[in-house]
């Protein structure tokens, strides 16, 4: 992503951890979507404007690998069920300081080809209204504005899509394609392998572990690094000229790499 602080994808965060509402119950009214610093792809949407629509509220952030691996499903569902009455809202709630920058979020949304409404929740106003604690987190809201189901973390996509279909049918939608979306993704949006053995990895020095370049990491200053010649499992290093901040690393000049 141009001019964005470089981040390295964490392989696992809360993958496979799901807190599931039993059936399609009633978890109360959807909180208001107030407090975003800006909206992308849409003017601000209110609960009143969304009444009569089935709404999927997805909390995500652009440097979270778990959010990114779920993103193809969000995009596919938004496209497949739009005409049937589904509105997907991708609430961008930052984990790190650089993710609060609206320009960075705008670049990420464009690069990731996210076309549905995206409130930039840099102050965590919407996050707190939902009492949310996870990335990604999905809240499924019926046409009356009631939260009927939620899912935290990756996975359970077929179950989530069945909930979408059930809520749309409940709202009178007919002729729905009952098949599940088929996702083919690569890069950061690709699903994890079945043999996941890597912890979260951070380029920023505040939480960096297993750094294996021969040079010591220099906090908050430009330095040229050599990639490790034979990194062990879960070790990583930098190659090229980098400025390592507390939360992120910035490539100062090309060429450069992480390996």
Foldseek 3Di string as FASTA:
>chain_A
DPPAFDKDEFQDDCAPDKDKDPDQAFPFFQFFPPDFPAKPLDHDDTLVNLQLAKEKEKEAALRYLQLLLCVVLLQVCCVQCVVLGYAYEYEYEDPDDSRLDPVNVVVSCVVSVPNGMYGDNDVCPSVVRVVHDAPTKIFIAANRRTTGIIIGTDDPSLVVVVVVVVRSVVSPGPPHDNDGDDDDDDDSNHHRDPDDDEGTAFQAPQDHDQEDWPDDQDEQDKDATCWDPDRDPRHKYKHGIWHHYRGGIHHPDDDMDMD
